Amino acid sequence: MTDFAVLNPATGVLGQTYRSATDAEIAAAIDSAATAYTSWGRTTTVAERAAGLRRVAELHRERSAELAAAMVEEMGKPLADAEGEVDFSASIFDYYADNAEAFLADEQIPMPEGEGTAVVRKAPVGVLLGIMPWNFPAYQVARFAAPNLATGNTVLLKHAPQCPRSAELLEQIFRDAGFPEGAYVNVYATIEQVETIIADPRVQGVSLTGSERAGAAVAEIAGRHLKKVVLELGGSDPFLVLGSKDLDAVVEAAVFARTDNTGQVCNAGKRFVIVDEFYDDFVSKFTDALIAATPATPLSSEAAAKNLARQVDEAVAGGATLTKAGEPQGAFFPSALLTDVTPENPVYHQELFGPVAMVFRAADEADAVRIANDTPYGLGSYVFSDDAEQAQRVADQIEAGMVYVNGVGMDAAELPFGGVKRSGFGRELGRFGIEEFVNKKLIRTAG
């Protein structure tokens, strides 16, 4: 039986432990969510549900210190980042509270005169399962829970095993905000129990943010039971430097893109593709800045650090050149840079989840696009150029769900988030995020 435990990666000290749910508790959780869907999700107005979301946002801000402290202890997140994450999560709940009525309004379809009316009415579908990762314990939950609760769906939330305290605190927020029993249910479910939940006919869909392997497993189970899936998986996002009059500013952005959240961000810049004209200057400046910016906080676990070290060792054995700030110590991993990575190198098509960057030389714009797209992933991407036409031209050619031009850290509640290829499918946030688990019901009335 899998225990959910708080194991501080910075100190190795074991904190609170939480028993995994029994099969009876999982059955009761599904019953509760199904009952809440019938008695609350299908009977309340969007305005009533939006009021609950506003209160959730308020409680996030009121309890920011407690939530942030839990994230720091669970996965080593820098305190300032944890506080910022809680605030961003609150803004997501506010966003859907403010916009849900417009997003879920009836849509009239024009019909020829005398042929009656046609309306698309957006209704909830039922109970949903959310499987969340450890790298953003509050933000990931907000992305899933806010739009779906606004719609009237009810939520079973399975958090990562190392984030049980965050999971507990978040569930209490929804209860204290006035959501009824079963509207949002935290479940300390095992992998085997996840399959049981997905198989239940009352569960209508599942949203997972996590690894490629986990996404494939959940999609297989969901497909077998004809359940819709939204998957936000890994990414090895390209960061293209095509031209700049201020290379220092681009380097600063590149360092942030690689070290934010100790390098543990799905849509972080990970592969830096530099056109030949700027390559030598960029690499010189980037190397110095990246090494100097070695994170003071650990990776999420010692196991994560060992896995990243294994990938780096395999890259070097495959012919890559490594520049590093030092040696890993426990869960702490120093910044590092890999150059001379060829397509034959094992790491070339992998995702490095930590403060390690790969840098590639591109002959020209076309070659930069080729390298950028030479990956099984397609989550985010970054294009830096002083030529606006070039930036848009290249953005159109990038095979990714998101392209950020001349900036980093530009995520927002109103912007859709998601990828293509092996980075998953479906979208979260923005108007698109509320449409994933909605019954777009046609009501056709004769003339």
Protein backbone atom coordinates (compact mmCIF):
# COMPACT_ATOMS: atom_id res chain seq x y z
CA MET A 1 0.00 0.00 0.00
CA THR A 2 1.38 3.39 -1.04
CA ASP A 3 1.69 5.96 1.73
CA PHE A 4 1.48 9.68 1.04
CA ALA A 5 4.26 11.38 2.94
CA VAL A 6 5.89 14.76 3.38
CA LEU A 7 9.64 14.21 2.92
CA ASN A 8 11.55 17.49 2.94
CA PRO A 9 14.05 17.25 0.04
CA ALA A 10 16.27 19.95 1.55
CA THR A 11 16.80 18.13 4.85
CA GLY A 12 15.72 14.55 4.25
CA VAL A 13 13.45 14.83 7.30
CA LEU A 14 10.22 12.84 7.15
CA GLY A 15 7.22 14.88 8.21
CA GLN A 16 3.54 14.02 8.18
CA THR A 17 2.43 10.73 6.67
CA TYR A 18 -1.03 9.96 5.38
CA ARG A 19 -2.52 6.50 4.96
CA SER A 20 -3.60 5.55 1.47
CA ALA A 21 -7.35 5.25 1.06
CA THR A 22 -9.07 1.92 1.50
CA ASP A 23 -11.21 0.56 -1.33
CA ALA A 24 -14.29 1.35 0.78
CA GLU A 25 -13.15 4.96 1.16
CA ILE A 26 -12.65 5.27 -2.61
CA ALA A 27 -16.14 3.89 -3.21
CA ALA A 28 -17.56 6.37 -0.70
CA ALA A 29 -15.70 9.25 -2.39
CA ILE A 30 -17.19 8.37 -5.78
CA ASP A 31 -20.65 8.05 -4.21
CA SER A 32 -20.25 11.46 -2.60
CA ALA A 33 -19.11 13.14 -5.84
CA ALA A 34 -21.94 11.51 -7.80
CA THR A 35 -24.52 12.63 -5.24
CA ALA A 36 -23.16 16.18 -5.26
CA TYR A 37 -23.34 16.28 -9.05
CA THR A 38 -27.04 15.40 -8.95
CA SER A 39 -28.01 17.58 -6.01
CA TRP A 40 -25.68 20.54 -6.61
CA GLY A 41 -23.92 20.52 -9.98
CA ARG A 42 -27.11 20.10 -12.03
CA THR A 43 -29.32 22.35 -9.92
CA THR A 44 -27.27 25.45 -9.08
CA THR A 45 -26.81 28.44 -11.33
CA VAL A 46 -23.48 29.50 -12.77
CA ALA A 47 -23.67 32.64 -10.65
CA GLU A 48 -24.06 30.59 -7.47
CA ARG A 49 -21.09 28.41 -8.34
CA ALA A 50 -19.05 31.50 -9.29
CA ALA A 51 -19.68 32.95 -5.83
CA GLY A 52 -18.12 29.85 -4.34
CA LEU A 53 -15.06 30.24 -6.55
CA ARG A 54 -14.63 33.83 -5.42
CA ARG A 55 -14.58 32.63 -1.83
CA VAL A 56 -12.01 29.97 -2.76
CA ALA A 57 -9.80 32.73 -4.18
CA GLU A 58 -10.17 34.76 -0.98
CA LEU A 59 -9.23 31.78 1.18
CA HIS A 60 -6.15 31.09 -0.93
CA ARG A 61 -4.93 34.60 -0.17
CA GLU A 62 -5.91 34.43 3.49
CA ARG A 63 -4.08 31.12 3.96
CA SER A 64 -1.15 31.84 1.67
CA ALA A 65 1.46 31.46 4.40
CA GLU A 66 0.22 28.02 5.41
CA LEU A 67 -0.12 26.76 1.85
CA ALA A 68 3.27 28.13 0.81
CA ALA A 69 5.00 26.59 3.83
CA ALA A 70 3.53 23.20 2.94
CA MET A 71 4.85 23.43 -0.62
CA VAL A 72 8.32 24.42 0.58
CA GLU A 73 8.45 21.40 2.87
CA GLU A 74 6.94 18.95 0.40
CA MET A 75 8.96 19.61 -2.74
CA GLY A 76 11.57 22.23 -1.91
CA LYS A 77 9.94 25.16 -3.71
CA PRO A 78 11.52 28.55 -2.92
CA LEU A 79 9.26 30.39 -0.47
CA ALA A 80 8.77 33.43 -2.71
CA ASP A 81 7.82 31.14 -5.59
CA ALA A 82 5.37 29.25 -3.37
CA GLU A 83 3.71 32.49 -2.29
CA GLY A 84 3.52 33.61 -5.91
CA GLU A 85 1.97 30.30 -6.88
CA VAL A 86 -0.78 30.66 -4.30
CA ASP A 87 -1.56 34.16 -5.56
CA PHE A 88 -1.63 32.97 -9.19
CA SER A 89 -3.97 30.14 -8.17
CA ALA A 90 -6.29 32.66 -6.55
CA SER A 91 -6.32 34.70 -9.75
CA ILE A 92 -7.45 31.62 -11.69
CA PHE A 93 -10.44 31.11 -9.40
CA ASP A 94 -11.26 34.82 -9.72
CA TYR A 95 -10.97 34.59 -13.50
CA TYR A 96 -13.50 31.81 -13.83
CA ALA A 97 -15.78 33.41 -11.26
CA ASP A 98 -15.78 36.57 -13.39
CA ASN A 99 -16.14 34.90 -16.78
CA ALA A 100 -17.99 31.60 -16.33
CA GLU A 101 -21.44 33.03 -17.11
CA ALA A 102 -20.24 34.41 -20.42
CA PHE A 103 -18.31 31.25 -21.30
CA LEU A 104 -21.26 28.99 -20.49
CA ALA A 105 -24.01 31.12 -22.02
CA ASP A 106 -26.37 29.60 -24.57
CA GLU A 107 -25.19 29.89 -28.16
CA GLN A 108 -27.87 30.58 -30.76
CA ILE A 109 -27.29 29.01 -34.16
CA PRO A 110 -28.95 31.07 -36.93
CA MET A 111 -31.54 29.09 -38.87
CA PRO A 112 -33.38 29.95 -42.10
CA GLU A 113 -36.56 31.95 -41.52
CA GLY A 114 -39.50 29.76 -40.62
CA GLU A 115 -37.38 26.76 -39.67
CA GLY A 116 -37.43 27.24 -35.92
CA THR A 117 -34.50 27.67 -33.57
CA ALA A 118 -31.32 25.90 -32.59
CA VAL A 119 -29.50 26.48 -29.33
CA VAL A 120 -26.31 24.95 -27.97
CA ARG A 121 -26.62 24.77 -24.19
CA LYS A 122 -23.45 24.07 -22.21
CA ALA A 123 -24.10 21.66 -19.36
CA PRO A 124 -21.91 19.72 -16.93
CA VAL A 125 -21.11 16.09 -17.64
CA GLY A 126 -20.67 14.65 -14.13
CA VAL A 127 -17.86 13.42 -11.92
CA LEU A 128 -14.28 14.05 -13.04
CA LEU A 129 -10.96 12.70 -11.80
CA GLY A 130 -7.96 15.02 -11.62
CA ILE A 131 -4.47 13.52 -11.24
CA MET A 132 -2.04 16.26 -10.28
CA PRO A 133 1.78 16.50 -10.10
CA TRP A 134 4.11 17.73 -7.37
CA ASN A 135 5.87 20.63 -9.10
CA PHE A 136 2.99 23.13 -8.69
CA PRO A 137 0.80 21.70 -5.91
CA ALA A 138 -1.74 24.57 -5.83
CA TYR A 139 -1.59 26.00 -9.36
CA GLN A 140 -2.19 22.68 -11.09
CA VAL A 141 -5.26 22.05 -8.94
CA ALA A 142 -6.65 25.51 -9.74
CA ARG A 143 -6.27 24.95 -13.48
CA PHE A 144 -8.38 21.80 -13.26
CA ALA A 145 -10.84 22.54 -10.47
CA ALA A 146 -11.84 26.14 -11.20
CA PRO A 147 -13.38 25.74 -14.67
CA ASN A 148 -14.97 22.40 -13.90
CA LEU A 149 -16.61 23.48 -10.65
CA ALA A 150 -17.85 26.59 -12.44
CA THR A 151 -19.46 24.31 -15.01
CA GLY A 152 -21.15 22.15 -12.36
CA ASN A 153 -18.96 19.08 -12.65
CA THR A 154 -17.76 17.55 -9.39
CA VAL A 155 -14.14 16.72 -8.74
CA LEU A 156 -12.19 13.81 -7.32
CA LEU A 157 -8.63 15.05 -6.82
CA LYS A 158 -5.68 12.66 -6.56
CA HIS A 159 -2.54 14.58 -5.72
CA ALA A 160 1.08 13.45 -5.98
CA PRO A 161 2.26 11.17 -3.13
CA GLN A 162 4.72 13.79 -1.85
CA CYS A 163 2.08 16.54 -1.61
CA PRO A 164 -0.47 15.18 0.88
CA ARG A 165 -0.41 18.23 3.15
CA SER A 166 -1.15 20.60 0.26
CA ALA A 167 -3.92 18.27 -0.83
CA GLU A 168 -5.45 18.36 2.64
CA LEU A 169 -5.26 22.14 2.92
CA LEU A 170 -6.82 22.66 -0.50
CA GLU A 171 -9.74 20.34 0.22
CA GLN A 172 -10.42 22.28 3.42
CA ILE A 173 -10.49 25.53 1.45
CA PHE A 174 -13.29 24.23 -0.78
CA ARG A 175 -15.26 23.05 2.22
CA ASP A 176 -14.83 26.35 4.02
CA ALA A 177 -15.80 28.22 0.86
CA GLY A 178 -19.23 26.61 1.05
CA PHE A 179 -18.99 23.90 -1.59
CA PRO A 180 -21.14 20.93 -0.54
CA GLU A 181 -19.82 17.55 0.49
CA GLY A 182 -18.72 15.73 -2.64
CA ALA A 183 -18.22 18.75 -4.90
CA TYR A 184 -14.45 18.57 -4.35
CA VAL A 185 -13.08 15.39 -2.78
CA ASN A 186 -9.41 14.75 -2.08
CA VAL A 187 -8.53 11.05 -2.44
CA TYR A 188 -5.27 9.48 -1.29
CA ALA A 189 -5.65 6.87 -4.00
CA THR A 190 -3.17 4.20 -5.07
CA ILE A 191 -2.35 3.53 -8.72
CA GLU A 192 -4.62 0.50 -8.64
CA GLN A 193 -7.47 2.55 -7.22
CA VAL A 194 -7.06 5.16 -9.97
CA GLU A 195 -8.04 2.48 -12.45
CA THR A 196 -11.08 1.65 -10.34
CA ILE A 197 -12.15 5.29 -10.29
CA ILE A 198 -11.79 5.73 -14.04
CA ALA A 199 -13.76 2.54 -14.67
CA ASP A 200 -16.74 3.68 -12.60
CA PRO A 201 -19.59 4.59 -14.98
CA ARG A 202 -20.39 7.74 -12.99
CA VAL A 203 -16.92 9.17 -13.69
CA GLN A 204 -17.08 10.94 -17.04
CA GLY A 205 -13.50 12.05 -17.62
CA VAL A 206 -10.00 12.39 -16.31
CA SER A 207 -7.41 15.15 -16.48
CA LEU A 208 -3.77 14.33 -15.79
CA THR A 209 -0.72 16.52 -15.55
CA GLY A 210 2.42 14.46 -15.20
CA SER A 211 4.89 12.25 -16.97
CA GLU A 212 4.60 10.82 -20.44
CA ARG A 213 4.51 7.31 -18.97
CA ALA A 214 1.70 8.16 -16.56
CA GLY A 215 -0.25 9.89 -19.31
CA ALA A 216 -0.01 6.88 -21.60
CA ALA A 217 -1.17 4.54 -18.82
CA VAL A 218 -4.15 6.71 -17.86
CA ALA A 219 -5.13 7.29 -21.49
CA GLU A 220 -5.11 3.53 -22.10
CA ILE A 221 -7.39 2.88 -19.13
CA ALA A 222 -9.69 5.78 -20.05
CA GLY A 223 -9.88 4.66 -23.67
CA ARG A 224 -10.86 1.18 -22.60
CA HIS A 225 -13.76 2.66 -20.66
CA LEU A 226 -14.62 5.35 -23.26
CA LYS A 227 -13.78 8.27 -21.00
CA LYS A 228 -12.52 11.61 -22.25
CA VAL A 229 -8.99 12.58 -21.23
CA VAL A 230 -7.04 15.83 -21.02
CA LEU A 231 -3.29 15.27 -20.78
CA GLU A 232 -0.60 17.84 -19.99
CA LEU A 233 2.65 15.91 -20.13
CA GLY A 234 6.33 16.65 -20.50
CA GLY A 235 8.10 19.11 -22.71
CA SER A 236 11.56 19.81 -24.05
CA ASP A 237 10.78 23.33 -25.14
CA PRO A 238 13.02 25.08 -27.65
CA PHE A 239 14.30 28.58 -26.93
CA LEU A 240 15.28 30.14 -30.25
CA VAL A 241 17.63 33.11 -30.43
CA LEU A 242 17.45 34.49 -33.97
CA GLY A 243 18.68 38.02 -33.35
CA SER A 244 18.86 40.67 -30.67
CA LYS A 245 20.35 44.09 -30.09
CA ASP A 246 20.35 43.34 -26.35
CA LEU A 247 21.87 39.89 -25.96
CA ASP A 248 22.33 40.40 -22.23
CA ALA A 249 18.56 40.70 -21.80
CA VAL A 250 18.02 37.54 -23.83
CA VAL A 251 20.55 35.68 -21.68
CA GLU A 252 18.78 36.87 -18.54
CA ALA A 253 15.49 35.55 -19.92
CA ALA A 254 17.13 32.27 -20.87
CA VAL A 255 18.53 31.74 -17.37
CA PHE A 256 15.11 32.37 -15.85
CA ALA A 257 13.52 30.01 -18.35
CA ARG A 258 15.91 27.22 -17.31
CA THR A 259 16.09 27.76 -13.53
CA ASP A 260 12.56 28.84 -12.58
CA ASN A 261 11.14 26.44 -9.96
CA THR A 262 14.62 24.84 -9.83
CA GLY A 263 14.23 23.88 -13.49
CA GLN A 264 11.17 21.75 -12.79
CA VAL A 265 8.63 23.33 -15.15
CA CYS A 266 6.98 21.41 -17.99
CA ASN A 267 7.02 24.35 -20.41
CA ALA A 268 10.40 25.72 -19.38
CA GLY A 269 13.01 26.54 -22.00
CA LYS A 270 15.23 23.43 -22.10
CA ARG A 271 16.84 23.34 -25.56
CA PHE A 272 18.51 26.61 -26.53
CA VAL A 273 18.84 26.95 -30.30
CA ILE A 274 21.09 29.83 -31.36
CA VAL A 275 21.77 30.98 -34.90
CA ASP A 276 25.43 30.92 -35.85
CA GLU A 277 25.86 34.70 -35.83
CA PHE A 278 25.08 34.92 -32.10
CA TYR A 279 26.11 31.46 -30.93
CA ASP A 280 29.58 32.13 -29.49
CA ASP A 281 28.58 35.31 -27.65
CA PHE A 282 25.40 33.75 -26.32
CA VAL A 283 27.10 30.60 -25.08
CA SER A 284 29.84 32.58 -23.34
CA LYS A 285 27.37 34.86 -21.55
CA PHE A 286 24.79 32.14 -20.90
CA THR A 287 27.32 29.75 -19.42
CA ASP A 288 28.59 32.32 -16.92
CA ALA A 289 25.09 33.46 -15.97
CA LEU A 290 23.63 29.95 -15.67
CA ILE A 291 26.50 28.67 -13.53
CA ALA A 292 26.20 31.73 -11.29
CA ALA A 293 22.46 31.11 -10.93
CA THR A 294 22.73 27.64 -9.41
CA PRO A 295 19.49 27.23 -7.45
CA ALA A 296 19.74 27.43 -3.68
CA THR A 297 16.80 25.07 -3.39
CA PRO A 298 16.70 21.33 -4.03
CA LEU A 299 14.96 19.27 -6.65
CA SER A 300 11.77 17.59 -5.49
CA SER A 301 13.61 14.53 -4.20
CA GLU A 302 16.96 12.80 -4.07
CA ALA A 303 15.57 10.29 -6.58
CA ALA A 304 14.87 13.14 -9.02
CA ALA A 305 18.46 14.38 -8.64
CA LYS A 306 19.86 10.88 -9.23
CA ASN A 307 17.77 10.48 -12.37
CA LEU A 308 18.95 13.84 -13.74
CA ALA A 309 22.55 12.93 -12.93
CA ARG A 310 22.13 9.66 -14.83
CA GLN A 311 20.85 11.54 -17.89
CA VAL A 312 23.77 13.98 -17.77
CA ASP A 313 26.28 11.14 -17.41
CA GLU A 314 24.74 9.37 -20.41
CA ALA A 315 24.90 12.58 -22.41
CA VAL A 316 28.61 12.99 -21.69
CA ALA A 317 29.25 9.34 -22.51
CA GLY A 318 27.48 9.99 -25.80
CA GLY A 319 29.90 12.78 -26.70
CA ALA A 320 28.37 15.91 -25.15
CA THR A 321 30.50 18.56 -23.47
CA LEU A 322 29.48 19.39 -19.90
CA THR A 323 30.06 22.64 -18.04
CA LYS A 324 28.79 22.52 -14.47
CA ALA A 325 28.73 24.50 -11.26
CA GLY A 326 29.59 21.55 -9.05
CA GLU A 327 28.49 18.11 -7.99
CA PRO A 328 25.01 17.06 -6.86
CA GLN A 329 24.53 16.79 -3.11
CA GLY A 330 21.48 14.84 -2.05
CA ALA A 331 18.51 16.50 -3.75
CA PHE A 332 20.52 19.65 -4.59
CA PHE A 333 21.59 19.81 -8.23
CA PRO A 334 23.92 22.54 -9.55
CA SER A 335 23.26 24.33 -12.82
CA ALA A 336 24.90 22.76 -15.85
CA LEU A 337 25.22 23.23 -19.60
CA LEU A 338 25.46 20.57 -22.32
CA THR A 339 26.86 21.43 -25.73
CA ASP A 340 27.88 19.24 -28.70
CA VAL A 341 24.73 17.14 -28.25
CA THR A 342 24.16 15.25 -31.50
CA PRO A 343 20.94 13.53 -32.60
CA GLU A 344 22.58 10.19 -31.80
CA ASN A 345 23.10 11.18 -28.16
CA PRO A 346 20.63 9.47 -25.77
CA VAL A 347 19.70 12.82 -24.20
CA TYR A 348 18.89 14.55 -27.50
CA HIS A 349 15.21 13.58 -27.46
CA GLN A 350 14.79 13.51 -23.67
CA GLU A 351 13.38 16.03 -21.21
CA LEU A 352 15.81 17.27 -18.53
CA PHE A 353 13.76 18.18 -15.46
CA GLY A 354 16.16 20.35 -13.53
CA PRO A 355 18.63 23.23 -14.03
CA VAL A 356 20.50 21.65 -16.96
CA ALA A 357 20.39 23.28 -20.39
CA MET A 358 21.19 21.91 -23.83
CA VAL A 359 22.54 24.41 -26.37
CA PHE A 360 22.52 23.90 -30.15
CA ARG A 361 24.10 25.89 -33.00
CA ALA A 362 21.81 26.59 -35.96
CA ALA A 363 23.12 27.65 -39.36
CA ASP A 364 20.20 30.00 -40.01
CA GLU A 365 16.50 30.56 -39.34
CA ALA A 366 15.38 27.47 -41.24
CA ASP A 367 17.91 25.29 -39.43
CA ALA A 368 16.78 26.71 -36.07
CA VAL A 369 13.19 25.74 -36.86
CA ARG A 370 14.32 22.26 -37.91
CA ILE A 371 16.19 21.73 -34.63
CA ALA A 372 13.32 23.18 -32.60
CA ASN A 373 10.85 20.73 -34.13
CA ASP A 374 13.18 17.72 -33.92
CA THR A 375 11.64 16.47 -30.68
CA PRO A 376 8.85 14.09 -29.71
CA TYR A 377 7.42 16.86 -27.50
CA GLY A 378 5.38 19.92 -28.41
CA LEU A 379 4.35 21.86 -25.31
CA GLY A 380 5.80 25.38 -25.27
CA SER A 381 8.48 27.30 -27.15
CA TYR A 382 10.24 30.65 -27.11
CA VAL A 383 11.31 32.84 -30.03
CA PHE A 384 13.59 35.86 -29.58
CA SER A 385 14.09 38.22 -32.50
CA ASP A 386 14.17 41.97 -33.09
CA ASP A 387 12.48 41.36 -36.46
CA ALA A 388 8.72 41.22 -35.78
CA GLU A 389 7.96 39.61 -39.14
CA GLN A 390 10.61 36.96 -38.57
CA ALA A 391 9.31 36.21 -35.08
CA GLN A 392 5.75 35.66 -36.34
CA ARG A 393 6.97 33.67 -39.34
CA VAL A 394 8.94 31.32 -37.11
CA ALA A 395 6.15 31.12 -34.53
CA ASP A 396 3.87 29.80 -37.27
CA GLN A 397 6.35 27.02 -38.04
CA ILE A 398 6.97 25.82 -34.49
CA GLU A 399 5.23 22.51 -33.70
CA ALA A 400 4.03 23.31 -30.19
CA GLY A 401 0.88 24.22 -28.33
CA MET A 402 2.32 27.56 -27.18
CA VAL A 403 4.84 30.03 -28.59
CA TYR A 404 6.11 32.94 -26.50
CA VAL A 405 7.77 35.72 -28.47
CA ASN A 406 10.46 37.88 -26.84
CA GLY A 407 9.44 37.03 -23.30
CA VAL A 408 9.31 34.40 -20.58
CA GLY A 409 7.03 33.88 -17.60
CA MET A 410 4.03 35.15 -19.55
CA ASP A 411 1.48 32.53 -18.44
CA ALA A 412 -1.87 33.99 -17.35
CA ALA A 413 -5.28 32.73 -16.29
CA GLU A 414 -6.86 33.86 -19.55
CA LEU A 415 -4.31 32.13 -21.81
CA PRO A 416 -4.85 28.50 -22.93
CA PHE A 417 -2.19 26.02 -21.81
CA GLY A 418 -1.47 22.71 -23.51
CA GLY A 419 0.56 20.91 -26.14
CA VAL A 420 0.73 18.58 -29.11
CA LYS A 421 2.66 15.43 -30.00
CA ARG A 422 3.83 13.55 -26.90
CA SER A 423 3.18 16.57 -24.70
CA GLY A 424 -0.48 15.59 -24.59
CA PHE A 425 -3.76 17.02 -25.79
CA GLY A 426 -6.55 19.26 -24.59
CA ARG A 427 -6.27 22.70 -23.05
CA GLU A 428 -6.44 24.21 -19.60
CA LEU A 429 -7.05 27.85 -18.59
CA GLY A 430 -8.79 30.56 -20.55
CA ARG A 431 -12.03 30.07 -22.42
CA PHE A 432 -10.74 26.84 -23.95
CA GLY A 433 -10.11 25.30 -20.54
CA ILE A 434 -13.76 25.46 -19.52
CA GLU A 435 -14.90 23.71 -22.71
CA GLU A 436 -13.06 20.41 -22.23
CA PHE A 437 -15.61 18.70 -19.97
CA VAL A 438 -18.84 20.32 -21.12
CA ASN A 439 -21.86 18.75 -22.77
CA LYS A 440 -22.49 21.07 -25.73
CA LYS A 441 -26.13 20.05 -25.95
CA LEU A 442 -28.09 20.95 -29.08
CA ILE A 443 -31.72 21.93 -28.50
CA ARG A 444 -33.48 22.14 -31.88
CA THR A 445 -37.04 23.42 -31.99
CA ALA A 446 -39.15 23.09 -35.13
CA GLY A 447 -40.67 26.16 -36.79
